[in-house]
Amino acid sequence: MAKKRINVYVDGFNLYHSALQKTYPECRWLNLFELAKRLINPKTEEIHTVYYFSAIPSWNPGRAKKHLLYIHALRTVGIKDILGKFTLRERKCPKCLSLYQSHEEKKTDINIAITLLADAVMDKFDTALILSGDSDLAPVSGKLRLLCPGKKIGVVIPKGQLAAHLKQHADFHKTIQAKDFKHSLLPKQVTYNGNIITAPAGWLPKPNVTP
């Protein structure tokens, strides 16, 4: 019997801010394909496509360079990246009421929604996994179940997030554990388009040193 095709849709910034930035900073050089494989039953399922949705912080050259390195490294293991952008937004300080500008990521939610629905209509998966705790994605999950009742949709949530509304619109949900991150890392160096890419400092665990 043919294995079920699994597509994974990774909300990059939600994953980063909810888990990788503070809790598992040494796992930022994360191999999303290996992580996806840890979320399925290999006897009955196989990973078909893994998408990475994010945006480049172009106003910060240092962060932008590291992010691009990571995206290039992900491409070496077959990850498909779909990038949005940041825009400036005027905000008001709740304490002093003064106005200030901040950068806000745009298009990630809509990019996930469009890609997910298009893949479902074109029969590119049997089960979709949304790796995010962002409840803004609940409507697309509910719409997919309505339009394509033969497709299953699951939510994969970094440990510590609730995402109750998102869970309600999915067929099932899973939680990423610490061991999933720690056993799903890219090599320190990978080759992309003939160039060697090295993981930024601190993005991988320090090697064990035997005294």
N, C-alpha and C. Protein backbone atom coordinates (compact mmCIF):
# COMPACT_ATOMS: atom_id res chain seq x y z
N MET A 1 0.84 -1.19 0.00
CA MET A 1 0.00 0.00 0.00
C MET A 1 0.88 1.24 0.00
N ALA A 2 0.53 2.21 -0.85
CA ALA A 2 1.32 3.44 -0.96
C ALA A 2 1.26 4.24 0.34
N LYS A 3 2.36 4.85 0.68
CA LYS A 3 2.41 5.67 1.88
C LYS A 3 1.68 6.99 1.63
N LYS A 4 1.13 7.57 2.69
CA LYS A 4 0.45 8.86 2.60
C LYS A 4 1.48 9.96 2.42
N ARG A 5 1.17 10.90 1.53
CA ARG A 5 2.05 12.03 1.26
C ARG A 5 1.81 13.15 2.27
N ILE A 6 2.90 13.59 2.90
CA ILE A 6 2.79 14.63 3.92
C ILE A 6 3.51 15.90 3.44
N ASN A 7 2.81 17.03 3.42
CA ASN A 7 3.42 18.33 3.19
C ASN A 7 3.48 19.09 4.51
N VAL A 8 4.58 19.81 4.71
CA VAL A 8 4.76 20.56 5.96
C VAL A 8 4.93 22.04 5.62
N TYR A 9 4.21 22.89 6.34
CA TYR A 9 4.20 24.32 6.09
C TYR A 9 4.71 25.03 7.36
N VAL A 10 5.95 25.49 7.32
CA VAL A 10 6.62 26.02 8.51
C VAL A 10 6.52 27.55 8.55
N ASP A 11 5.89 28.06 9.58
CA ASP A 11 5.82 29.49 9.84
C ASP A 11 7.13 29.88 10.53
N GLY A 12 8.09 30.37 9.75
CA GLY A 12 9.44 30.55 10.24
C GLY A 12 9.58 31.45 11.45
N PHE A 13 8.94 32.62 11.44
CA PHE A 13 9.10 33.54 12.55
C PHE A 13 8.35 33.08 13.79
N ASN A 14 7.21 32.42 13.61
CA ASN A 14 6.51 31.88 14.77
C ASN A 14 7.36 30.82 15.46
N LEU A 15 7.97 29.96 14.67
CA LEU A 15 8.84 28.93 15.23
C LEU A 15 10.04 29.56 15.92
N TYR A 16 10.62 30.58 15.28
CA TYR A 16 11.82 31.21 15.84
C TYR A 16 11.51 31.90 17.17
N HIS A 17 10.47 32.74 17.19
CA HIS A 17 10.19 33.52 18.39
C HIS A 17 9.59 32.68 19.52
N SER A 18 8.88 31.59 19.19
CA SER A 18 8.26 30.79 20.23
C SER A 18 9.20 29.75 20.82
N ALA A 19 10.20 29.33 20.06
CA ALA A 19 11.04 28.22 20.55
C ALA A 19 12.54 28.45 20.39
N LEU A 20 12.96 28.91 19.23
CA LEU A 20 14.40 28.91 18.94
C LEU A 20 15.14 30.11 19.52
N GLN A 21 14.52 31.25 19.59
CA GLN A 21 15.24 32.46 20.00
C GLN A 21 15.78 32.38 21.42
N LYS A 22 14.95 31.96 22.36
CA LYS A 22 15.36 31.96 23.77
C LYS A 22 15.51 30.56 24.36
N THR A 23 14.58 29.67 24.02
CA THR A 23 14.58 28.34 24.65
C THR A 23 15.64 27.42 24.06
N TYR A 24 15.75 27.40 22.73
CA TYR A 24 16.71 26.51 22.08
C TYR A 24 17.58 27.28 21.09
N PRO A 25 18.29 28.31 21.54
CA PRO A 25 19.10 29.11 20.60
C PRO A 25 20.21 28.31 19.93
N GLU A 26 20.65 27.23 20.59
CA GLU A 26 21.71 26.40 20.02
C GLU A 26 21.17 25.47 18.94
N CYS A 27 19.87 25.56 18.64
CA CYS A 27 19.26 24.72 17.59
C CYS A 27 18.76 25.57 16.43
N ARG A 28 19.27 26.78 16.29
CA ARG A 28 18.80 27.65 15.20
C ARG A 28 19.23 27.16 13.83
N TRP A 29 20.29 26.33 13.78
CA TRP A 29 20.75 25.76 12.50
C TRP A 29 19.93 24.49 12.26
N LEU A 30 18.62 24.65 12.23
CA LEU A 30 17.67 23.55 12.27
C LEU A 30 17.41 22.98 10.88
N ASN A 31 17.51 21.66 10.76
CA ASN A 31 17.20 20.97 9.52
C ASN A 31 15.70 20.67 9.52
N LEU A 32 14.94 21.47 8.80
CA LEU A 32 13.48 21.34 8.83
C LEU A 32 13.00 20.04 8.20
N PHE A 33 13.77 19.48 7.28
CA PHE A 33 13.37 18.21 6.68
C PHE A 33 13.49 17.08 7.70
N GLU A 34 14.60 17.08 8.45
CA GLU A 34 14.77 16.06 9.49
C GLU A 34 13.73 16.23 10.59
N LEU A 35 13.43 17.49 10.94
CA LEU A 35 12.40 17.74 11.94
C LEU A 35 11.06 17.20 11.47
N ALA A 36 10.74 17.43 10.20
CA ALA A 36 9.47 16.94 9.64
C ALA A 36 9.39 15.42 9.72
N LYS A 37 10.50 14.74 9.46
CA LYS A 37 10.51 13.28 9.49
C LYS A 37 10.21 12.74 10.89
N ARG A 38 10.55 13.52 11.92
CA ARG A 38 10.31 13.10 13.29
C ARG A 38 8.84 13.26 13.69
N LEU A 39 8.06 13.92 12.83
CA LEU A 39 6.67 14.20 13.14
C LEU A 39 5.69 13.24 12.48
N ILE A 40 6.21 12.26 11.74
CA ILE A 40 5.34 11.35 11.01
C ILE A 40 5.62 9.90 11.40
N ASN A 41 4.76 9.02 10.93
CA ASN A 41 4.97 7.58 11.09
C ASN A 41 5.61 7.07 9.80
N PRO A 42 6.91 6.76 9.81
CA PRO A 42 7.60 6.38 8.57
C PRO A 42 7.09 5.08 7.94
N LYS A 43 6.35 4.29 8.70
CA LYS A 43 5.81 3.04 8.15
C LYS A 43 4.64 3.29 7.21
N THR A 44 3.90 4.37 7.47
CA THR A 44 2.69 4.63 6.67
C THR A 44 2.69 5.98 5.98
N GLU A 45 3.69 6.82 6.31
CA GLU A 45 3.71 8.18 5.77
C GLU A 45 5.11 8.53 5.25
N GLU A 46 5.17 9.48 4.32
CA GLU A 46 6.45 9.99 3.84
C GLU A 46 6.34 11.48 3.57
N ILE A 47 7.45 12.17 3.81
CA ILE A 47 7.48 13.61 3.57
C ILE A 47 7.55 13.86 2.07
N HIS A 48 6.64 14.68 1.58
CA HIS A 48 6.61 15.02 0.16
C HIS A 48 7.29 16.37 -0.07
N THR A 49 6.82 17.42 0.60
CA THR A 49 7.39 18.77 0.45
C THR A 49 7.40 19.47 1.80
N VAL A 50 8.48 20.20 2.09
CA VAL A 50 8.55 21.04 3.28
C VAL A 50 8.77 22.48 2.82
N TYR A 51 7.87 23.36 3.23
CA TYR A 51 7.95 24.78 2.91
C TYR A 51 8.43 25.57 4.13
N TYR A 52 9.20 26.62 3.85
CA TYR A 52 9.65 27.53 4.90
C TYR A 52 9.19 28.93 4.54
N PHE A 53 8.33 29.52 5.37
CA PHE A 53 7.79 30.86 5.11
C PHE A 53 8.43 31.84 6.08
N SER A 54 9.02 32.91 5.53
CA SER A 54 9.70 33.87 6.38
C SER A 54 9.88 35.18 5.61
N ALA A 55 10.73 36.04 6.14
CA ALA A 55 11.04 37.32 5.49
C ALA A 55 12.43 37.75 5.95
N ILE A 56 13.12 38.50 5.11
CA ILE A 56 14.48 38.94 5.42
C ILE A 56 14.45 40.31 6.10
N PRO A 57 15.06 40.47 7.28
CA PRO A 57 15.10 41.77 7.96
C PRO A 57 16.15 42.68 7.31
N SER A 58 15.81 43.25 6.18
CA SER A 58 16.78 43.97 5.34
C SER A 58 17.36 45.21 6.02
N TRP A 59 16.67 45.77 7.01
CA TRP A 59 17.18 46.97 7.68
C TRP A 59 18.33 46.65 8.63
N ASN A 60 18.54 45.36 8.91
CA ASN A 60 19.61 44.93 9.82
C ASN A 60 20.57 44.02 9.04
N PRO A 61 21.64 44.56 8.47
CA PRO A 61 22.54 43.78 7.61
C PRO A 61 23.08 42.52 8.26
N GLY A 62 23.41 42.58 9.55
CA GLY A 62 23.96 41.41 10.22
C GLY A 62 22.95 40.27 10.32
N ARG A 63 21.75 40.59 10.75
CA ARG A 63 20.69 39.58 10.84
C ARG A 63 20.29 39.07 9.47
N ALA A 64 20.24 40.00 8.50
CA ALA A 64 19.84 39.61 7.14
C ALA A 64 20.84 38.61 6.55
N LYS A 65 22.14 38.83 6.79
CA LYS A 65 23.15 37.93 6.25
C LYS A 65 23.01 36.54 6.85
N LYS A 66 22.81 36.46 8.17
CA LYS A 66 22.66 35.16 8.82
C LYS A 66 21.40 34.44 8.33
N HIS A 67 20.33 35.21 8.16
CA HIS A 67 19.07 34.61 7.71
C HIS A 67 19.21 34.05 6.30
N LEU A 68 19.89 34.79 5.43
CA LEU A 68 20.11 34.31 4.07
C LEU A 68 20.98 33.06 4.06
N LEU A 69 21.99 33.03 4.92
CA LEU A 69 22.82 31.83 5.03
C LEU A 69 21.97 30.63 5.40
N TYR A 70 21.06 30.83 6.34
CA TYR A 70 20.20 29.75 6.79
C TYR A 70 19.27 29.29 5.67
N ILE A 71 18.69 30.22 4.94
CA ILE A 71 17.81 29.86 3.82
C ILE A 71 18.57 29.07 2.77
N HIS A 72 19.78 29.49 2.46
CA HIS A 72 20.60 28.76 1.48
C HIS A 72 20.92 27.35 2.00
N ALA A 73 21.20 27.25 3.30
CA ALA A 73 21.49 25.94 3.87
C ALA A 73 20.26 25.04 3.79
N LEU A 74 19.08 25.59 4.03
CA LEU A 74 17.85 24.80 3.93
C LEU A 74 17.62 24.29 2.51
N ARG A 75 18.00 25.09 1.54
CA ARG A 75 17.81 24.66 0.14
C ARG A 75 18.64 23.42 -0.18
N THR A 76 19.75 23.23 0.52
CA THR A 76 20.59 22.06 0.24
C THR A 76 19.92 20.76 0.65
N VAL A 77 18.90 20.84 1.51
CA VAL A 77 18.18 19.62 1.92
C VAL A 77 16.78 19.60 1.32
N GLY A 78 16.55 20.45 0.31
CA GLY A 78 15.30 20.39 -0.44
C GLY A 78 14.14 21.20 0.09
N ILE A 79 14.40 22.10 1.05
CA ILE A 79 13.33 22.95 1.58
C ILE A 79 12.96 24.02 0.55
N LYS A 80 11.67 24.25 0.37
CA LYS A 80 11.19 25.31 -0.53
C LYS A 80 10.86 26.54 0.30
N ASP A 81 11.60 27.63 0.08
CA ASP A 81 11.35 28.85 0.84
C ASP A 81 10.44 29.79 0.06
N ILE A 82 9.49 30.38 0.75
CA ILE A 82 8.59 31.38 0.20
C ILE A 82 8.65 32.59 1.12
N LEU A 83 9.16 33.70 0.59
CA LEU A 83 9.48 34.85 1.43
C LEU A 83 8.48 35.99 1.28
N GLY A 84 8.13 36.59 2.42
CA GLY A 84 7.32 37.78 2.43
C GLY A 84 8.24 38.99 2.57
N LYS A 85 7.80 40.00 3.30
CA LYS A 85 8.62 41.19 3.48
C LYS A 85 8.25 41.88 4.78
N PHE A 86 9.08 42.84 5.18
CA PHE A 86 8.78 43.68 6.34
C PHE A 86 8.36 45.06 5.85
N THR A 87 7.41 45.65 6.56
CA THR A 87 7.00 47.02 6.27
C THR A 87 7.06 47.83 7.56
N LEU A 88 7.17 49.15 7.42
CA LEU A 88 7.17 50.03 8.58
C LEU A 88 5.73 50.31 9.00
N ARG A 89 5.51 50.25 10.30
CA ARG A 89 4.17 50.51 10.83
C ARG A 89 4.27 51.48 12.00
N GLU A 90 3.37 52.46 12.00
CA GLU A 90 3.35 53.43 13.09
C GLU A 90 2.59 52.87 14.28
N ARG A 91 3.18 52.96 15.45
CA ARG A 91 2.56 52.45 16.68
C ARG A 91 2.53 53.54 17.74
N LYS A 92 1.71 53.32 18.76
CA LYS A 92 1.61 54.27 19.85
C LYS A 92 2.02 53.60 21.16
N CYS A 93 2.91 54.25 21.88
CA CYS A 93 3.36 53.72 23.17
C CYS A 93 2.19 53.78 24.16
N PRO A 94 1.83 52.65 24.79
CA PRO A 94 0.69 52.64 25.71
C PRO A 94 0.93 53.45 26.98
N LYS A 95 2.19 53.73 27.31
CA LYS A 95 2.50 54.47 28.53
C LYS A 95 2.58 55.97 28.30
N CYS A 96 3.42 56.38 27.32
CA CYS A 96 3.61 57.82 27.09
C CYS A 96 2.78 58.35 25.93
N LEU A 97 2.14 57.44 25.18
CA LEU A 97 1.26 57.78 24.05
C LEU A 97 1.99 58.41 22.86
N SER A 98 3.32 58.39 22.89
CA SER A 98 4.07 58.92 21.76
C SER A 98 4.06 57.92 20.61
N LEU A 99 4.18 58.40 19.37
CA LEU A 99 4.17 57.55 18.20
C LEU A 99 5.59 57.13 17.82
N TYR A 100 5.73 55.92 17.35
CA TYR A 100 7.02 55.45 16.89
C TYR A 100 6.79 54.46 15.75
N GLN A 101 7.84 54.15 14.99
CA GLN A 101 7.74 53.22 13.87
C GLN A 101 8.45 51.91 14.21
N SER A 102 7.87 50.81 13.79
CA SER A 102 8.50 49.51 13.97
C SER A 102 8.29 48.68 12.71
N HIS A 103 9.10 47.65 12.56
CA HIS A 103 9.01 46.78 11.39
C HIS A 103 8.03 45.65 11.67
N GLU A 104 7.18 45.36 10.70
CA GLU A 104 6.18 44.31 10.85
C GLU A 104 6.24 43.37 9.65
N GLU A 105 6.30 42.08 9.94
CA GLU A 105 6.35 41.09 8.87
C GLU A 105 5.01 41.02 8.15
N LYS A 106 5.06 40.97 6.83
CA LYS A 106 3.86 40.92 6.02
C LYS A 106 3.91 39.73 5.06
N LYS A 107 2.76 39.22 4.73
CA LYS A 107 2.52 38.21 3.70
C LYS A 107 2.73 36.77 4.13
N THR A 108 3.33 36.51 5.30
CA THR A 108 3.56 35.12 5.67
C THR A 108 2.25 34.35 5.79
N ASP A 109 1.28 34.90 6.52
CA ASP A 109 0.00 34.20 6.70
C ASP A 109 -0.68 33.94 5.36
N ILE A 110 -0.71 34.95 4.50
CA ILE A 110 -1.38 34.79 3.21
C ILE A 110 -0.60 33.84 2.31
N ASN A 111 0.73 33.86 2.40
CA ASN A 111 1.53 32.93 1.61
C ASN A 111 1.28 31.48 2.03
N ILE A 112 1.18 31.26 3.33
CA ILE A 112 0.87 29.91 3.82
C ILE A 112 -0.52 29.49 3.35
N ALA A 113 -1.49 30.39 3.47
CA ALA A 113 -2.86 30.08 3.09
C ALA A 113 -2.97 29.73 1.61
N ILE A 114 -2.36 30.57 0.75
CA ILE A 114 -2.44 30.35 -0.69
C ILE A 114 -1.76 29.04 -1.08
N THR A 115 -0.58 28.81 -0.54
CA THR A 115 0.17 27.61 -0.88
C THR A 115 -0.55 26.35 -0.41
N LEU A 116 -1.07 26.40 0.80
CA LEU A 116 -1.78 25.25 1.37
C LEU A 116 -3.02 24.91 0.54
N LEU A 117 -3.83 25.91 0.23
CA LEU A 117 -5.06 25.65 -0.53
C LEU A 117 -4.75 25.21 -1.96
N ALA A 118 -3.73 25.83 -2.58
CA ALA A 118 -3.36 25.44 -3.94
C ALA A 118 -2.88 23.99 -3.98
N ASP A 119 -2.05 23.61 -3.02
CA ASP A 119 -1.55 22.22 -2.97
C ASP A 119 -2.69 21.23 -2.76
N ALA A 120 -3.68 21.63 -1.95
CA ALA A 120 -4.82 20.73 -1.70
C ALA A 120 -5.63 20.54 -2.97
N VAL A 121 -5.92 21.64 -3.65
CA VAL A 121 -6.73 21.57 -4.87
C VAL A 121 -6.01 20.78 -5.96
N MET A 122 -4.68 20.91 -6.03
CA MET A 122 -3.90 20.21 -7.04
C MET A 122 -3.48 18.80 -6.58
N ASP A 123 -4.01 18.37 -5.44
CA ASP A 123 -3.77 17.02 -4.92
C ASP A 123 -2.28 16.74 -4.74
N LYS A 124 -1.60 17.64 -4.04
CA LYS A 124 -0.16 17.47 -3.81
C LYS A 124 0.15 16.86 -2.45
N PHE A 125 -0.88 16.56 -1.66
CA PHE A 125 -0.64 15.90 -0.38
C PHE A 125 -1.89 15.15 0.05
N ASP A 126 -1.70 14.24 0.98
CA ASP A 126 -2.82 13.57 1.64
C ASP A 126 -3.08 14.21 3.00
N THR A 127 -1.98 14.60 3.66
CA THR A 127 -2.06 15.27 4.96
C THR A 127 -1.14 16.47 4.96
N ALA A 128 -1.64 17.60 5.47
CA ALA A 128 -0.83 18.81 5.62
C ALA A 128 -0.55 19.06 7.09
N LEU A 129 0.69 19.40 7.41
CA LEU A 129 1.06 19.78 8.76
C LEU A 129 1.43 21.25 8.77
N ILE A 130 0.73 22.05 9.56
CA ILE A 130 1.07 23.46 9.74
C ILE A 130 1.91 23.58 10.99
N LEU A 131 3.16 23.98 10.83
CA LEU A 131 4.04 24.12 11.98
C LEU A 131 3.98 25.57 12.43
N SER A 132 3.10 25.85 13.35
CA SER A 132 2.89 27.21 13.84
C SER A 132 1.93 27.18 15.02
N GLY A 133 2.03 28.20 15.86
CA GLY A 133 1.06 28.37 16.93
C GLY A 133 0.21 29.60 16.71
N ASP A 134 0.27 30.15 15.50
CA ASP A 134 -0.44 31.39 15.16
C ASP A 134 -1.90 31.09 14.84
N SER A 135 -2.80 31.53 15.67
CA SER A 135 -4.22 31.25 15.46
C SER A 135 -4.81 32.01 14.27
N ASP A 136 -4.07 32.96 13.70
CA ASP A 136 -4.53 33.63 12.49
C ASP A 136 -4.66 32.65 11.33
N LEU A 137 -4.01 31.48 11.45
CA LEU A 137 -4.08 30.48 10.39
C LEU A 137 -5.28 29.56 10.53
N ALA A 138 -6.06 29.72 11.60
CA ALA A 138 -7.22 28.86 11.81
C ALA A 138 -8.24 28.93 10.68
N PRO A 139 -8.56 30.11 10.12
CA PRO A 139 -9.55 30.16 9.04
C PRO A 139 -9.18 29.34 7.81
N VAL A 140 -7.91 29.36 7.42
CA VAL A 140 -7.53 28.59 6.23
C VAL A 140 -7.60 27.10 6.52
N SER A 141 -7.28 26.72 7.74
CA SER A 141 -7.40 25.31 8.11
C SER A 141 -8.86 24.86 8.04
N GLY A 142 -9.76 25.68 8.55
CA GLY A 142 -11.17 25.35 8.50
C GLY A 142 -11.70 25.32 7.08
N LYS A 143 -11.26 26.26 6.25
CA LYS A 143 -11.71 26.31 4.85
C LYS A 143 -11.22 25.10 4.07
N LEU A 144 -9.98 24.67 4.32
CA LEU A 144 -9.45 23.50 3.62
C LEU A 144 -10.27 22.25 3.96
N ARG A 145 -10.63 22.09 5.20
CA ARG A 145 -11.43 20.92 5.60
C ARG A 145 -12.80 20.94 4.94
N LEU A 146 -13.30 22.15 4.68
CA LEU A 146 -14.61 22.28 4.03
C LEU A 146 -14.53 21.99 2.54
N LEU A 147 -13.50 22.54 1.88
CA LEU A 147 -13.38 22.41 0.42
C LEU A 147 -12.82 21.06 0.00
N CYS A 148 -11.93 20.50 0.82
CA CYS A 148 -11.27 19.23 0.47
C CYS A 148 -11.40 18.26 1.64
N PRO A 149 -12.60 17.74 1.86
CA PRO A 149 -12.82 16.89 3.04
C PRO A 149 -12.00 15.61 3.05
N GLY A 150 -11.44 15.22 1.91
CA GLY A 150 -10.61 14.02 1.87
C GLY A 150 -9.21 14.25 2.38
N LYS A 151 -8.82 15.52 2.54
CA LYS A 151 -7.49 15.86 3.03
C LYS A 151 -7.51 16.02 4.55
N LYS A 152 -6.43 15.60 5.18
CA LYS A 152 -6.29 15.79 6.62
C LYS A 152 -5.36 16.97 6.88
N ILE A 153 -5.62 17.66 7.96
CA ILE A 153 -4.75 18.78 8.33
C ILE A 153 -4.42 18.70 9.81
N GLY A 154 -3.12 18.78 10.10
CA GLY A 154 -2.66 18.72 11.47
C GLY A 154 -1.90 19.98 11.83
N VAL A 155 -1.84 20.27 13.11
CA VAL A 155 -1.11 21.43 13.61
C VAL A 155 0.04 20.94 14.48
N VAL A 156 1.23 21.45 14.20
CA VAL A 156 2.42 21.10 14.98
C VAL A 156 2.82 22.34 15.77
N ILE A 157 2.83 22.23 17.08
CA ILE A 157 2.98 23.40 17.94
C ILE A 157 4.25 23.28 18.78
N PRO A 158 5.11 24.30 18.72
CA PRO A 158 6.27 24.29 19.62
C PRO A 158 5.82 24.23 21.07
N LYS A 159 6.51 23.47 21.88
CA LYS A 159 6.14 23.29 23.28
C LYS A 159 6.06 24.64 23.99
N GLY A 160 4.99 24.83 24.75
CA GLY A 160 4.81 26.08 25.47
C GLY A 160 3.75 26.98 24.88
N GLN A 161 3.34 26.72 23.63
CA GLN A 161 2.28 27.49 23.00
C GLN A 161 0.94 26.77 23.17
N LEU A 162 -0.15 27.53 23.23
CA LEU A 162 -1.46 26.94 23.42
C LEU A 162 -2.17 26.72 22.09
N ALA A 163 -2.31 27.79 21.29
CA ALA A 163 -2.92 27.70 19.96
C ALA A 163 -4.26 26.97 19.98
N ALA A 164 -5.10 27.28 20.98
CA ALA A 164 -6.37 26.57 21.13
C ALA A 164 -7.27 26.73 19.92
N HIS A 165 -7.36 27.94 19.38
CA HIS A 165 -8.24 28.19 18.23
C HIS A 165 -7.75 27.42 17.00
N LEU A 166 -6.45 27.37 16.83
CA LEU A 166 -5.88 26.66 15.69
C LEU A 166 -6.15 25.16 15.80
N LYS A 167 -6.04 24.62 17.00
CA LYS A 167 -6.31 23.19 17.22
C LYS A 167 -7.75 22.82 16.88
N GLN A 168 -8.67 23.74 17.17
CA GLN A 168 -10.08 23.46 16.94
C GLN A 168 -10.41 23.25 15.46
N HIS A 169 -9.60 23.82 14.58
CA HIS A 169 -9.86 23.74 13.15
C HIS A 169 -9.00 22.69 12.46
N ALA A 170 -8.32 21.86 13.23
CA ALA A 170 -7.46 20.82 12.66
C ALA A 170 -8.00 19.44 12.99
N ASP A 171 -7.57 18.45 12.23
CA ASP A 171 -7.97 17.07 12.51
C ASP A 171 -7.20 16.49 13.69
N PHE A 172 -5.99 16.98 13.91
CA PHE A 172 -5.18 16.50 15.03
C PHE A 172 -4.07 17.52 15.29
N HIS A 173 -3.40 17.37 16.40
CA HIS A 173 -2.27 18.26 16.69
C HIS A 173 -1.15 17.49 17.37
N LYS A 174 0.05 17.99 17.19
CA LYS A 174 1.25 17.41 17.78
C LYS A 174 2.04 18.53 18.46
N THR A 175 2.94 18.16 19.36
CA THR A 175 3.81 19.12 20.03
C THR A 175 5.26 18.76 19.76
N ILE A 176 6.07 19.75 19.43
CA ILE A 176 7.50 19.52 19.21
C ILE A 176 8.19 19.50 20.57
N GLN A 177 8.98 18.47 20.79
CA GLN A 177 9.71 18.32 22.05
C GLN A 177 11.16 18.78 21.87
N ALA A 178 11.84 18.97 22.98
CA ALA A 178 13.24 19.41 22.93
C ALA A 178 14.10 18.45 22.12
N LYS A 179 13.88 17.14 22.28
CA LYS A 179 14.69 16.16 21.57
C LYS A 179 14.50 16.25 20.05
N ASP A 180 13.31 16.70 19.62
CA ASP A 180 13.08 16.84 18.18
C ASP A 180 13.99 17.91 17.59
N PHE A 181 14.16 19.01 18.30
CA PHE A 181 15.07 20.06 17.84
C PHE A 181 16.52 19.57 17.86
N LYS A 182 16.91 18.97 18.97
CA LYS A 182 18.31 18.62 19.18
C LYS A 182 18.80 17.52 18.25
N HIS A 183 17.87 16.71 17.71
CA HIS A 183 18.26 15.64 16.80
C HIS A 183 17.94 15.98 15.34
N SER A 184 17.71 17.27 15.07
CA SER A 184 17.34 17.68 13.70
C SER A 184 18.17 18.90 13.28
N LEU A 185 19.48 18.75 13.33
CA LEU A 185 20.36 19.88 13.03
C LEU A 185 21.13 19.64 11.73
N LEU A 186 21.38 20.74 11.04
CA LEU A 186 22.21 20.69 9.83
C LEU A 186 23.68 20.52 10.22
N PRO A 187 24.50 19.99 9.31
CA PRO A 187 25.95 19.96 9.58
C PRO A 187 26.47 21.39 9.73
N LYS A 188 27.57 21.54 10.46
CA LYS A 188 28.13 22.88 10.67
C LYS A 188 28.46 23.56 9.34
N GLN A 189 28.91 22.78 8.37
CA GLN A 189 29.21 23.32 7.04
C GLN A 189 28.44 22.56 5.97
N VAL A 190 27.84 23.30 5.06
CA VAL A 190 27.15 22.71 3.91
C VAL A 190 27.62 23.45 2.67
N THR A 191 27.41 22.84 1.52
CA THR A 191 27.81 23.46 0.25
C THR A 191 26.58 23.85 -0.54
N TYR A 192 26.52 25.12 -0.93
CA TYR A 192 25.39 25.64 -1.70
C TYR A 192 25.92 26.40 -2.92
N ASN A 193 25.53 25.95 -4.11
CA ASN A 193 25.99 26.56 -5.36
C ASN A 193 27.52 26.66 -5.43
N GLY A 194 28.19 25.62 -4.94
CA GLY A 194 29.64 25.58 -5.01
C GLY A 194 30.35 26.32 -3.90
N ASN A 195 29.60 26.96 -3.01
CA ASN A 195 30.20 27.72 -1.91
C ASN A 195 29.93 27.03 -0.58
N ILE A 196 30.93 27.06 0.31
CA ILE A 196 30.77 26.47 1.63
C ILE A 196 30.10 27.47 2.56
N ILE A 197 29.02 27.02 3.20
CA ILE A 197 28.29 27.85 4.16
C ILE A 197 28.54 27.29 5.55
N THR A 198 28.92 28.16 6.48
CA THR A 198 29.19 27.75 7.85
C THR A 198 28.13 28.32 8.78
N ALA A 199 27.66 27.51 9.70
CA ALA A 199 26.65 27.96 10.66
C ALA A 199 27.17 29.14 11.46
N PRO A 200 26.35 30.18 11.66
CA PRO A 200 26.76 31.31 12.51
C PRO A 200 27.11 30.85 13.91
N ALA A 201 27.97 31.58 14.57
CA ALA A 201 28.40 31.24 15.93
C ALA A 201 27.19 31.18 16.87
N GLY A 202 27.11 30.11 17.66
CA GLY A 202 26.04 29.95 18.63
C GLY A 202 24.79 29.30 18.09
N TRP A 203 24.77 28.99 16.79
CA TRP A 203 23.57 28.39 16.19
C TRP A 203 23.57 26.86 16.28
N LEU A 204 24.64 26.30 16.79
CA LEU A 204 24.74 24.85 17.01
C LEU A 204 25.27 24.62 18.43
N PRO A 205 24.95 23.47 19.03
CA PRO A 205 25.47 23.19 20.36
C PRO A 205 27.00 23.16 20.37
N LYS A 206 27.58 23.57 21.47
CA LYS A 206 29.03 23.49 21.59
C LYS A 206 29.44 22.01 21.66
N PRO A 207 30.51 21.65 20.98
CA PRO A 207 30.96 20.25 21.04
C PRO A 207 31.40 19.88 22.45
N ASN A 208 31.13 18.62 22.79
CA ASN A 208 31.57 18.15 24.11
C ASN A 208 33.09 18.07 24.16
N VAL A 209 33.65 18.62 25.19
CA VAL A 209 35.09 18.62 25.34
C VAL A 209 35.48 17.69 26.49
N THR A 210 36.25 16.67 26.18
CA THR A 210 36.69 15.72 27.20
C THR A 210 37.96 16.22 27.86
N PRO A 211 37.97 16.42 29.16
CA PRO A 211 39.19 16.94 29.84
C PRO A 211 40.32 15.93 29.82
